[in-house]
Amino acid sequence: VFLLGAKAKSVRQSALFEVQGIGAMQRSDVLQALDSVLEPWRFKDYCPNGLQVEGRADIRRIVTGVTASAALIDAAIALQADAILVHHGYFWKNEDPRVLGMKKSRLAQLLAHDINLIAYHLPLDAHPTLGNNATLARVLGITPLGQGGEQNLLWRGELAQPMRLADWAGQVQRQLGRAPLALGAADKLIRQVAWCTGGAPGMLADAVALGVDAYLTGEASEPCAHIAAETGVAFVAAGHHATERYGVQALGEHLAQTLGLDVRWVDIDNPI
């Protein structure tokens, strides 16, 4: 596990790994294994799922992370990775399709080092055991009771024991390592919660309809304060990156266990 807030040069200097004695797999077999688990064809998504940038055909080492940023690419190069597996990849719907500036620099690095970029967005959010929602529930001690909403991305569950909003927000901070934005009465008793990791403030109204005591996601939007105040359902924004660190880690561990690949998790800090 690598926690990177500085440049990947320090990783390159301190981690001199040789990829020896590790079994290689064909890229096509790795992708088939991922698709069989995540079933991306079931989702209407905002980006292509699966292979986004083609690199070398043989894969031994995979670096996992939340977002395919330049810093993560640098870390993958330093670790001599054959592939990068992320939740946030490239080629989003309605983005500028031209290969300019930041996009050119990122792609140039991947292509120059023959590194595959593999990304799964909504399929990784929704997976019942490896997904972001499922793994966040385990981290926060929430017992899932069901899934619903658009593409089954809104989850509902209950806490191990009821607690005041202020206390639950404190628990979230301790588990995720960052202070959440909590909207609602500090002494409101929280029993049942709904959640959707990442940027899903628009699902607050759907959570209200479920009759839960609180809704947790990664980011807030302006209407959230009014909805929380007028409905009495607490709203907690715990960080987009902070709530989506666990699914890709679980997916990487699954690949390591089932395929015998060398998988390295790299956490590039992001305050959003």
C-alpha atoms as a PDB file:
ATOM      1  CA  VAL A   1       0.000   0.000   0.000  1.00  0.00           C
ATOM      2  CA  PHE A   2       1.368   3.406  -0.962  1.00  0.00           C
ATOM      3  CA  LEU A   3       0.009   6.740   0.248  1.00  0.00           C
ATOM      4  CA  LEU A   4       1.133   9.422  -2.160  1.00  0.00           C
ATOM      5  CA  GLY A   5       0.793  13.140  -1.601  1.00  0.00           C
ATOM      6  CA  ALA A   6       4.231  13.997  -2.992  1.00  0.00           C
ATOM      7  CA  LYS A   7       5.630  13.355  -6.436  1.00  0.00           C
ATOM      8  CA  ALA A   8       5.986   9.766  -7.555  1.00  0.00           C
ATOM      9  CA  LYS A   9       9.758  10.320  -7.821  1.00  0.00           C
ATOM     10  CA  SER A  10      10.058   9.461  -4.137  1.00  0.00           C
ATOM     11  CA  VAL A  11       8.241   6.188  -4.796  1.00  0.00           C
ATOM     12  CA  ARG A  12      10.612   5.430  -7.645  1.00  0.00           C
ATOM     13  CA  GLN A  13      13.585   5.990  -5.385  1.00  0.00           C
ATOM     14  CA  SER A  14      12.276   3.983  -2.437  1.00  0.00           C
ATOM     15  CA  ALA A  15      10.554   1.118  -4.244  1.00  0.00           C
ATOM     16  CA  LEU A  16      12.954  -0.673  -6.596  1.00  0.00           C
ATOM     17  CA  PHE A  17      10.759  -3.589  -7.561  1.00  0.00           C
ATOM     18  CA  GLU A  18      11.711  -6.236 -10.100  1.00  0.00           C
ATOM     19  CA  VAL A  19       8.826  -8.032 -11.766  1.00  0.00           C
ATOM     20  CA  GLN A  20      10.245 -11.530 -11.502  1.00  0.00           C
ATOM     21  CA  GLY A  21       8.682 -14.833 -10.658  1.00  0.00           C
ATOM     22  CA  ILE A  22       5.163 -13.451 -11.071  1.00  0.00           C
ATOM     23  CA  GLY A  23       2.824 -15.265 -13.428  1.00  0.00           C
ATOM     24  CA  ALA A  24       1.628 -13.213 -16.384  1.00  0.00           C
ATOM     25  CA  MET A  25      -1.861 -13.247 -17.847  1.00  0.00           C
ATOM     26  CA  GLN A  26      -3.098 -12.125 -21.195  1.00  0.00           C
ATOM     27  CA  ARG A  27      -4.828  -8.756 -21.044  1.00  0.00           C
ATOM     28  CA  SER A  28      -7.898 -10.286 -22.679  1.00  0.00           C
ATOM     29  CA  ASP A  29      -8.201 -12.852 -19.878  1.00  0.00           C
ATOM     30  CA  VAL A  30      -7.905 -10.184 -17.178  1.00  0.00           C
ATOM     31  CA  LEU A  31     -10.594  -8.103 -18.868  1.00  0.00           C
ATOM     32  CA  GLN A  32     -12.845 -11.135 -19.225  1.00  0.00           C
ATOM     33  CA  ALA A  33     -12.467 -11.855 -15.523  1.00  0.00           C
ATOM     34  CA  LEU A  34     -13.320  -8.256 -14.612  1.00  0.00           C
ATOM     35  CA  ASP A  35     -16.315  -8.136 -16.923  1.00  0.00           C
ATOM     36  CA  SER A  36     -17.663 -11.409 -15.558  1.00  0.00           C
ATOM     37  CA  VAL A  37     -17.601  -9.969 -12.036  1.00  0.00           C
ATOM     38  CA  LEU A  38     -18.846  -6.423 -12.732  1.00  0.00           C
ATOM     39  CA  GLU A  39     -21.196  -7.054 -15.710  1.00  0.00           C
ATOM     40  CA  PRO A  40     -20.770  -3.572 -17.228  1.00  0.00           C
ATOM     41  CA  TRP A  41     -23.347  -4.283 -19.950  1.00  0.00           C
ATOM     42  CA  ARG A  42     -26.098  -3.925 -17.336  1.00  0.00           C
ATOM     43  CA  PHE A  43     -25.374  -0.213 -16.828  1.00  0.00           C
ATOM     44  CA  LYS A  44     -26.051   2.970 -18.722  1.00  0.00           C
ATOM     45  CA  ASP A  45     -22.886   4.865 -17.887  1.00  0.00           C
ATOM     46  CA  TYR A  46     -21.174   8.189 -18.616  1.00  0.00           C
ATOM     47  CA  CYS A  47     -17.907   6.647 -19.833  1.00  0.00           C
ATOM     48  CA  PRO A  48     -16.633   3.423 -21.408  1.00  0.00           C
ATOM     49  CA  ASN A  49     -16.123   0.606 -18.918  1.00  0.00           C
ATOM     50  CA  GLY A  50     -13.243  -1.832 -19.249  1.00  0.00           C
ATOM     51  CA  LEU A  51     -10.119  -1.175 -21.304  1.00  0.00           C
ATOM     52  CA  GLN A  52      -9.739   2.541 -22.080  1.00  0.00           C
ATOM     53  CA  VAL A  53      -6.093   2.719 -23.178  1.00  0.00           C
ATOM     54  CA  GLU A  54      -4.339  -0.316 -24.661  1.00  0.00           C
ATOM     55  CA  GLY A  55      -0.902  -1.220 -23.388  1.00  0.00           C
ATOM     56  CA  ARG A  56       1.173  -4.397 -23.410  1.00  0.00           C
ATOM     57  CA  ALA A  57      -0.590  -7.704 -23.950  1.00  0.00           C
ATOM     58  CA  ASP A  58       0.839  -9.456 -20.873  1.00  0.00           C
ATOM     59  CA  ILE A  59      -0.155  -8.281 -17.394  1.00  0.00           C
ATOM     60  CA  ARG A  60       1.773  -9.193 -14.238  1.00  0.00           C
ATOM     61  CA  ARG A  61       1.471  -6.135 -12.012  1.00  0.00           C
ATOM     62  CA  ILE A  62      -1.572  -3.880 -11.618  1.00  0.00           C
ATOM     63  CA  VAL A  63      -1.693  -0.576  -9.769  1.00  0.00           C
ATOM     64  CA  THR A  64      -5.120   0.346  -8.409  1.00  0.00           C
ATOM     65  CA  GLY A  65      -6.366   3.797  -7.449  1.00  0.00           C
ATOM     66  CA  VAL A  66      -9.464   5.954  -7.426  1.00  0.00           C
ATOM     67  CA  THR A  67      -8.629   8.286 -10.330  1.00  0.00           C
ATOM     68  CA  ALA A  68      -6.247   7.963 -13.281  1.00  0.00           C
ATOM     69  CA  SER A  69      -4.466  11.218 -12.492  1.00  0.00           C
ATOM     70  CA  ALA A  70      -0.956  12.116 -13.608  1.00  0.00           C
ATOM     71  CA  ALA A  71       0.288  11.330 -10.085  1.00  0.00           C
ATOM     72  CA  LEU A  72      -1.182   7.816 -10.227  1.00  0.00           C
ATOM     73  CA  ILE A  73       0.373   7.240 -13.652  1.00  0.00           C
ATOM     74  CA  ASP A  74       3.757   8.354 -12.290  1.00  0.00           C
ATOM     75  CA  ALA A  75       3.376   5.910  -9.408  1.00  0.00           C
ATOM     76  CA  ALA A  76       2.476   3.089 -11.800  1.00  0.00           C
ATOM     77  CA  ILE A  77       5.572   3.828 -13.881  1.00  0.00           C
ATOM     78  CA  ALA A  78       7.730   3.806 -10.749  1.00  0.00           C
ATOM     79  CA  LEU A  79       6.240   0.466  -9.720  1.00  0.00           C
ATOM     80  CA  GLN A  80       6.771  -1.014 -13.189  1.00  0.00           C
ATOM     81  CA  ALA A  81       3.067  -1.739 -13.571  1.00  0.00           C
ATOM     82  CA  ASP A  82       1.589  -3.296 -16.678  1.00  0.00           C
ATOM     83  CA  ALA A  83      -1.886  -1.912 -16.005  1.00  0.00           C
ATOM     84  CA  ILE A  84      -3.733   0.684 -13.975  1.00  0.00           C
ATOM     85  CA  LEU A  85      -7.201  -0.154 -12.638  1.00  0.00           C
ATOM     86  CA  VAL A  86      -9.343   2.778 -11.478  1.00  0.00           C
ATOM     87  CA  HIS A  87     -12.866   3.943 -10.751  1.00  0.00           C
ATOM     88  CA  HIS A  88     -12.469   7.297 -12.510  1.00  0.00           C
ATOM     89  CA  GLY A  89     -10.940   6.871 -15.936  1.00  0.00           C
ATOM     90  CA  TYR A  90     -11.209   8.967 -19.094  1.00  0.00           C
ATOM     91  CA  PHE A  91     -13.498   9.801 -22.032  1.00  0.00           C
ATOM     92  CA  TRP A  92     -16.501  11.083 -20.110  1.00  0.00           C
ATOM     93  CA  LYS A  93     -19.756  11.871 -21.858  1.00  0.00           C
ATOM     94  CA  ASN A  94     -19.933  15.447 -23.200  1.00  0.00           C
ATOM     95  CA  GLU A  95     -16.247  16.183 -22.483  1.00  0.00           C
ATOM     96  CA  ASP A  96     -14.059  17.782 -25.148  1.00  0.00           C
ATOM     97  CA  PRO A  97     -12.917  14.832 -27.326  1.00  0.00           C
ATOM     98  CA  ARG A  98      -9.722  16.531 -28.471  1.00  0.00           C
ATOM     99  CA  VAL A  99      -6.396  15.237 -27.210  1.00  0.00           C
ATOM    100  CA  LEU A 100      -4.959  18.444 -25.798  1.00  0.00           C
ATOM    101  CA  GLY A 101      -3.166  19.689 -22.685  1.00  0.00           C
ATOM    102  CA  MET A 102      -3.713  17.519 -19.609  1.00  0.00           C
ATOM    103  CA  LYS A 103      -5.363  14.724 -21.583  1.00  0.00           C
ATOM    104  CA  LYS A 104      -2.450  14.626 -24.054  1.00  0.00           C
ATOM    105  CA  SER A 105       0.096  14.490 -21.226  1.00  0.00           C
ATOM    106  CA  ARG A 106      -1.671  11.642 -19.453  1.00  0.00           C
ATOM    107  CA  LEU A 107      -2.157   9.583 -22.605  1.00  0.00           C
ATOM    108  CA  ALA A 108       1.421  10.235 -23.711  1.00  0.00           C
ATOM    109  CA  GLN A 109       2.750   8.771 -20.461  1.00  0.00           C
ATOM    110  CA  LEU A 110       0.537   5.689 -20.690  1.00  0.00           C
ATOM    111  CA  LEU A 111       1.450   5.041 -24.321  1.00  0.00           C
ATOM    112  CA  ALA A 112       5.152   5.725 -23.859  1.00  0.00           C
ATOM    113  CA  HIS A 113       5.329   3.134 -21.066  1.00  0.00           C
ATOM    114  CA  ASP A 114       2.902   0.688 -22.708  1.00  0.00           C
ATOM    115  CA  ILE A 115       0.592   0.692 -19.664  1.00  0.00           C
ATOM    116  CA  ASN A 116      -3.032  -0.460 -19.933  1.00  0.00           C
ATOM    117  CA  LEU A 117      -5.691   1.764 -18.401  1.00  0.00           C
ATOM    118  CA  ILE A 118      -8.762  -0.122 -17.181  1.00  0.00           C
ATOM    119  CA  ALA A 119     -11.697   1.691 -15.569  1.00  0.00           C
ATOM    120  CA  TYR A 120     -15.083   0.704 -14.166  1.00  0.00           C
ATOM    121  CA  HIS A 121     -17.468   3.426 -13.031  1.00  0.00           C
ATOM    122  CA  LEU A 122     -21.106   2.592 -12.201  1.00  0.00           C
ATOM    123  CA  PRO A 123     -20.515  -1.191 -12.262  1.00  0.00           C
ATOM    124  CA  LEU A 124     -18.011  -0.701  -9.444  1.00  0.00           C
ATOM    125  CA  ASP A 125     -20.386   1.537  -7.496  1.00  0.00           C
ATOM    126  CA  ALA A 126     -23.175  -1.009  -7.588  1.00  0.00           C
ATOM    127  CA  HIS A 127     -21.506  -4.406  -7.125  1.00  0.00           C
ATOM    128  CA  PRO A 128     -23.170  -6.135  -4.136  1.00  0.00           C
ATOM    129  CA  THR A 129     -19.936  -7.161  -2.384  1.00  0.00           C
ATOM    130  CA  LEU A 130     -16.942  -5.481  -4.073  1.00  0.00           C
ATOM    131  CA  GLY A 131     -18.602  -2.194  -4.964  1.00  0.00           C
ATOM    132  CA  ASN A 132     -18.121   1.237  -3.441  1.00  0.00           C
ATOM    133  CA  ASN A 133     -21.493   1.218  -1.678  1.00  0.00           C
ATOM    134  CA  ALA A 134     -20.991  -2.272  -0.258  1.00  0.00           C
ATOM    135  CA  THR A 135     -17.437  -1.675   0.943  1.00  0.00           C
ATOM    136  CA  LEU A 136     -18.251   1.726   2.433  1.00  0.00           C
ATOM    137  CA  ALA A 137     -21.036   0.085   4.434  1.00  0.00           C
ATOM    138  CA  ARG A 138     -18.525  -2.360   5.905  1.00  0.00           C
ATOM    139  CA  VAL A 139     -16.090   0.427   6.749  1.00  0.00           C
ATOM    140  CA  LEU A 140     -18.799   2.476   8.481  1.00  0.00           C
ATOM    141  CA  GLY A 141     -20.498  -0.469  10.197  1.00  0.00           C
ATOM    142  CA  ILE A 142     -23.802  -0.158   8.322  1.00  0.00           C
ATOM    143  CA  THR A 143     -25.939  -3.248   7.758  1.00  0.00           C
ATOM    144  CA  PRO A 144     -27.431  -3.051   4.231  1.00  0.00           C
ATOM    145  CA  LEU A 145     -31.185  -3.599   3.981  1.00  0.00           C
ATOM    146  CA  GLY A 146     -31.719  -3.092   0.268  1.00  0.00           C
ATOM    147  CA  GLN A 147     -30.852  -1.296  -2.960  1.00  0.00           C
ATOM    148  CA  GLY A 148     -32.950   0.902  -5.197  1.00  0.00           C
ATOM    149  CA  GLY A 149     -33.099   4.135  -7.105  1.00  0.00           C
ATOM    150  CA  GLU A 150     -31.514   4.726 -10.493  1.00  0.00           C
ATOM    151  CA  GLN A 151     -29.581   1.597 -11.536  1.00  0.00           C
ATOM    152  CA  ASN A 152     -29.698   0.301  -7.931  1.00  0.00           C
ATOM    153  CA  LEU A 153     -27.178   2.945  -6.852  1.00  0.00           C
ATOM    154  CA  LEU A 154     -29.086   4.104  -3.754  1.00  0.00           C
ATOM    155  CA  TRP A 155     -28.576   1.810  -0.769  1.00  0.00           C
ATOM    156  CA  ARG A 156     -30.482   1.682   2.513  1.00  0.00           C
ATOM    157  CA  GLY A 157     -29.319   0.225   5.814  1.00  0.00           C
ATOM    158  CA  GLU A 158     -29.139   0.637   9.568  1.00  0.00           C
ATOM    159  CA  LEU A 159     -26.455   1.447  12.084  1.00  0.00           C
ATOM    160  CA  ALA A 160     -25.320  -1.128  14.621  1.00  0.00           C
ATOM    161  CA  GLN A 161     -26.872   1.095  17.275  1.00  0.00           C
ATOM    162  CA  PRO A 162     -28.721   4.422  17.091  1.00  0.00           C
ATOM    163  CA  MET A 163     -26.590   7.503  17.693  1.00  0.00           C
ATOM    164  CA  ARG A 164     -26.862  11.268  17.503  1.00  0.00           C
ATOM    165  CA  LEU A 165     -25.986  12.909  14.199  1.00  0.00           C
ATOM    166  CA  ALA A 166     -22.995  14.647  15.795  1.00  0.00           C
ATOM    167  CA  ASP A 167     -21.667  11.325  17.081  1.00  0.00           C
ATOM    168  CA  TRP A 168     -22.224   9.558  13.763  1.00  0.00           C
ATOM    169  CA  ALA A 169     -20.443  12.365  11.902  1.00  0.00           C
ATOM    170  CA  GLY A 170     -17.540  11.910  14.309  1.00  0.00           C
ATOM    171  CA  GLN A 171     -17.469   8.191  13.609  1.00  0.00           C
ATOM    172  CA  VAL A 172     -17.465   8.849   9.854  1.00  0.00           C
ATOM    173  CA  GLN A 173     -14.543  11.237  10.316  1.00  0.00           C
ATOM    174  CA  ARG A 174     -12.547   8.668  12.271  1.00  0.00           C
ATOM    175  CA  GLN A 175     -13.162   5.919   9.737  1.00  0.00           C
ATOM    176  CA  LEU A 176     -12.580   7.963   6.570  1.00  0.00           C
ATOM    177  CA  GLY A 177      -9.906  10.292   7.854  1.00  0.00           C
ATOM    178  CA  ARG A 178     -11.621  13.575   6.974  1.00  0.00           C
ATOM    179  CA  ALA A 179     -14.268  15.762   8.567  1.00  0.00           C
ATOM    180  CA  PRO A 180     -17.652  15.437   6.820  1.00  0.00           C
ATOM    181  CA  LEU A 181     -20.175  18.204   6.238  1.00  0.00           C
ATOM    182  CA  ALA A 182     -23.189  17.276   8.390  1.00  0.00           C
ATOM    183  CA  LEU A 183     -26.468  19.145   7.890  1.00  0.00           C
ATOM    184  CA  GLY A 184     -29.212  18.676  10.458  1.00  0.00           C
ATOM    185  CA  ALA A 185     -29.831  18.883  14.181  1.00  0.00           C
ATOM    186  CA  ALA A 186     -26.747  17.670  16.039  1.00  0.00           C
ATOM    187  CA  ASP A 187     -28.872  15.699  18.509  1.00  0.00           C
ATOM    188  CA  LYS A 188     -31.063  14.049  15.854  1.00  0.00           C
ATOM    189  CA  LEU A 189     -31.121  10.290  16.468  1.00  0.00           C
ATOM    190  CA  ILE A 190     -29.860   8.321  13.477  1.00  0.00           C
ATOM    191  CA  ARG A 191     -31.035   4.736  13.043  1.00  0.00           C
ATOM    192  CA  GLN A 192     -31.623   4.043   9.358  1.00  0.00           C
ATOM    193  CA  VAL A 193     -29.521   5.653   6.647  1.00  0.00           C
ATOM    194  CA  ALA A 194     -29.329   5.753   2.874  1.00  0.00           C
ATOM    195  CA  TRP A 195     -26.116   6.302   0.941  1.00  0.00           C
ATOM    196  CA  CYS A 196     -24.531   6.532  -2.485  1.00  0.00           C
ATOM    197  CA  THR A 197     -20.790   7.059  -2.750  1.00  0.00           C
ATOM    198  CA  GLY A 198     -19.158   9.801  -4.817  1.00  0.00           C
ATOM    199  CA  GLY A 199     -21.076  12.735  -6.225  1.00  0.00           C
ATOM    200  CA  ALA A 200     -24.746  11.957  -5.654  1.00  0.00           C
ATOM    201  CA  PRO A 201     -26.335  14.888  -3.756  1.00  0.00           C
ATOM    202  CA  GLY A 202     -29.269  14.671  -6.171  1.00  0.00           C
ATOM    203  CA  MET A 203     -30.387  11.426  -4.542  1.00  0.00           C
ATOM    204  CA  LEU A 204     -31.221  13.161  -1.260  1.00  0.00           C
ATOM    205  CA  ALA A 205     -34.875  13.515  -2.280  1.00  0.00           C
ATOM    206  CA  ASP A 206     -35.014   9.774  -3.061  1.00  0.00           C
ATOM    207  CA  ALA A 207     -33.518   9.045   0.353  1.00  0.00           C
ATOM    208  CA  VAL A 208     -36.182  11.223   1.994  1.00  0.00           C
ATOM    209  CA  ALA A 209     -38.842   9.141   0.243  1.00  0.00           C
ATOM    210  CA  LEU A 210     -37.379   6.002   1.835  1.00  0.00           C
ATOM    211  CA  GLY A 211     -38.107   7.382   5.304  1.00  0.00           C
ATOM    212  CA  VAL A 212     -34.517   7.165   6.553  1.00  0.00           C
ATOM    213  CA  ASP A 213     -33.010   9.391   9.218  1.00  0.00           C
ATOM    214  CA  ALA A 214     -29.961  10.461   7.216  1.00  0.00           C
ATOM    215  CA  TYR A 215     -28.425  10.342   3.757  1.00  0.00           C
ATOM    216  CA  LEU A 216     -24.676  10.108   3.117  1.00  0.00           C
ATOM    217  CA  THR A 217     -22.809  10.770  -0.117  1.00  0.00           C
ATOM    218  CA  GLY A 218     -19.508  12.305  -1.159  1.00  0.00           C
ATOM    219  CA  GLU A 219     -20.428  15.838  -2.218  1.00  0.00           C
ATOM    220  CA  ALA A 220     -23.034  18.479  -1.411  1.00  0.00           C
ATOM    221  CA  SER A 221     -25.037  20.797  -3.656  1.00  0.00           C
ATOM    222  CA  GLU A 222     -26.934  23.970  -2.760  1.00  0.00           C
ATOM    223  CA  PRO A 223     -30.416  22.387  -2.458  1.00  0.00           C
ATOM    224  CA  CYS A 224     -29.197  19.845   0.112  1.00  0.00           C
ATOM    225  CA  ALA A 225     -29.258  22.357   2.957  1.00  0.00           C
ATOM    226  CA  HIS A 226     -32.878  23.305   2.249  1.00  0.00           C
ATOM    227  CA  ILE A 227     -34.054  19.716   1.793  1.00  0.00           C
ATOM    228  CA  ALA A 228     -32.394  18.629   5.040  1.00  0.00           C
ATOM    229  CA  ALA A 229     -33.851  21.569   6.955  1.00  0.00           C
ATOM    230  CA  GLU A 230     -37.382  21.191   5.606  1.00  0.00           C
ATOM    231  CA  THR A 231     -37.680  17.386   5.735  1.00  0.00           C
ATOM    232  CA  GLY A 232     -35.706  16.677   8.893  1.00  0.00           C
ATOM    233  CA  VAL A 233     -33.553  14.100   7.083  1.00  0.00           C
ATOM    234  CA  ALA A 234     -29.905  14.746   7.917  1.00  0.00           C
ATOM    235  CA  PHE A 235     -27.410  15.085   5.080  1.00  0.00           C
ATOM    236  CA  VAL A 236     -23.747  14.073   5.329  1.00  0.00           C
ATOM    237  CA  ALA A 237     -21.157  14.831   2.634  1.00  0.00           C
ATOM    238  CA  ALA A 238     -18.128  12.709   3.514  1.00  0.00           C
ATOM    239  CA  GLY A 239     -15.923  13.325   0.464  1.00  0.00           C
ATOM    240  CA  HIS A 240     -16.061  12.021  -3.096  1.00  0.00           C
ATOM    241  CA  HIS A 241     -12.599  10.468  -2.947  1.00  0.00           C
ATOM    242  CA  ALA A 242     -12.939   9.392   0.678  1.00  0.00           C
ATOM    243  CA  THR A 243     -16.134   7.415   0.047  1.00  0.00           C
ATOM    244  CA  GLU A 244     -14.814   5.723  -3.110  1.00  0.00           C
ATOM    245  CA  ARG A 245     -11.455   4.383  -1.981  1.00  0.00           C
ATOM    246  CA  TYR A 246     -12.687   0.970  -0.955  1.00  0.00           C
ATOM    247  CA  GLY A 247     -14.355  -0.580  -3.994  1.00  0.00           C
ATOM    248  CA  VAL A 248     -11.309  -0.528  -6.243  1.00  0.00           C
ATOM    249  CA  GLN A 249      -9.196  -1.856  -3.359  1.00  0.00           C
ATOM    250  CA  ALA A 250     -11.588  -4.779  -2.921  1.00  0.00           C
ATOM    251  CA  LEU A 251     -11.614  -5.409  -6.669  1.00  0.00           C
ATOM    252  CA  GLY A 252      -7.818  -5.414  -6.761  1.00  0.00           C
ATOM    253  CA  GLU A 253      -7.647  -7.842  -3.846  1.00  0.00           C
ATOM    254  CA  HIS A 254     -10.133 -10.065  -5.684  1.00  0.00           C
ATOM    255  CA  LEU A 255      -7.867 -10.118  -8.752  1.00  0.00           C
ATOM    256  CA  ALA A 256      -4.825 -10.918  -6.631  1.00  0.00           C
ATOM    257  CA  GLN A 257      -6.592 -13.804  -4.906  1.00  0.00           C
ATOM    258  CA  THR A 258      -8.339 -15.308  -7.932  1.00  0.00           C
ATOM    259  CA  LEU A 259      -5.794 -14.676 -10.699  1.00  0.00           C
ATOM    260  CA  GLY A 260      -2.550 -14.588  -8.749  1.00  0.00           C
ATOM    261  CA  LEU A 261      -1.578 -11.164 -10.087  1.00  0.00           C
ATOM    262  CA  ASP A 262       0.605  -8.673  -8.208  1.00  0.00           C
ATOM    263  CA  VAL A 263      -1.768  -5.824  -7.296  1.00  0.00           C
ATOM    264  CA  ARG A 264      -0.604  -2.614  -5.582  1.00  0.00           C
ATOM    265  CA  TRP A 265      -3.028  -0.045  -4.145  1.00  0.00           C
ATOM    266  CA  VAL A 266      -1.881   3.589  -4.390  1.00  0.00           C
ATOM    267  CA  ASP A 267      -3.865   6.281  -2.584  1.00  0.00           C
ATOM    268  CA  ILE A 268      -3.354   9.727  -4.114  1.00  0.00           C
ATOM    269  CA  ASP A 269      -4.755  12.105  -1.510  1.00  0.00           C
ATOM    270  CA  ASN A 270      -7.669  14.246  -2.666  1.00  0.00           C
ATOM    271  CA  PRO A 271      -9.538  16.621  -0.298  1.00  0.00           C
ATOM    272  CA  ILE A 272     -12.677  16.670  -2.484  1.00  0.00           C
END
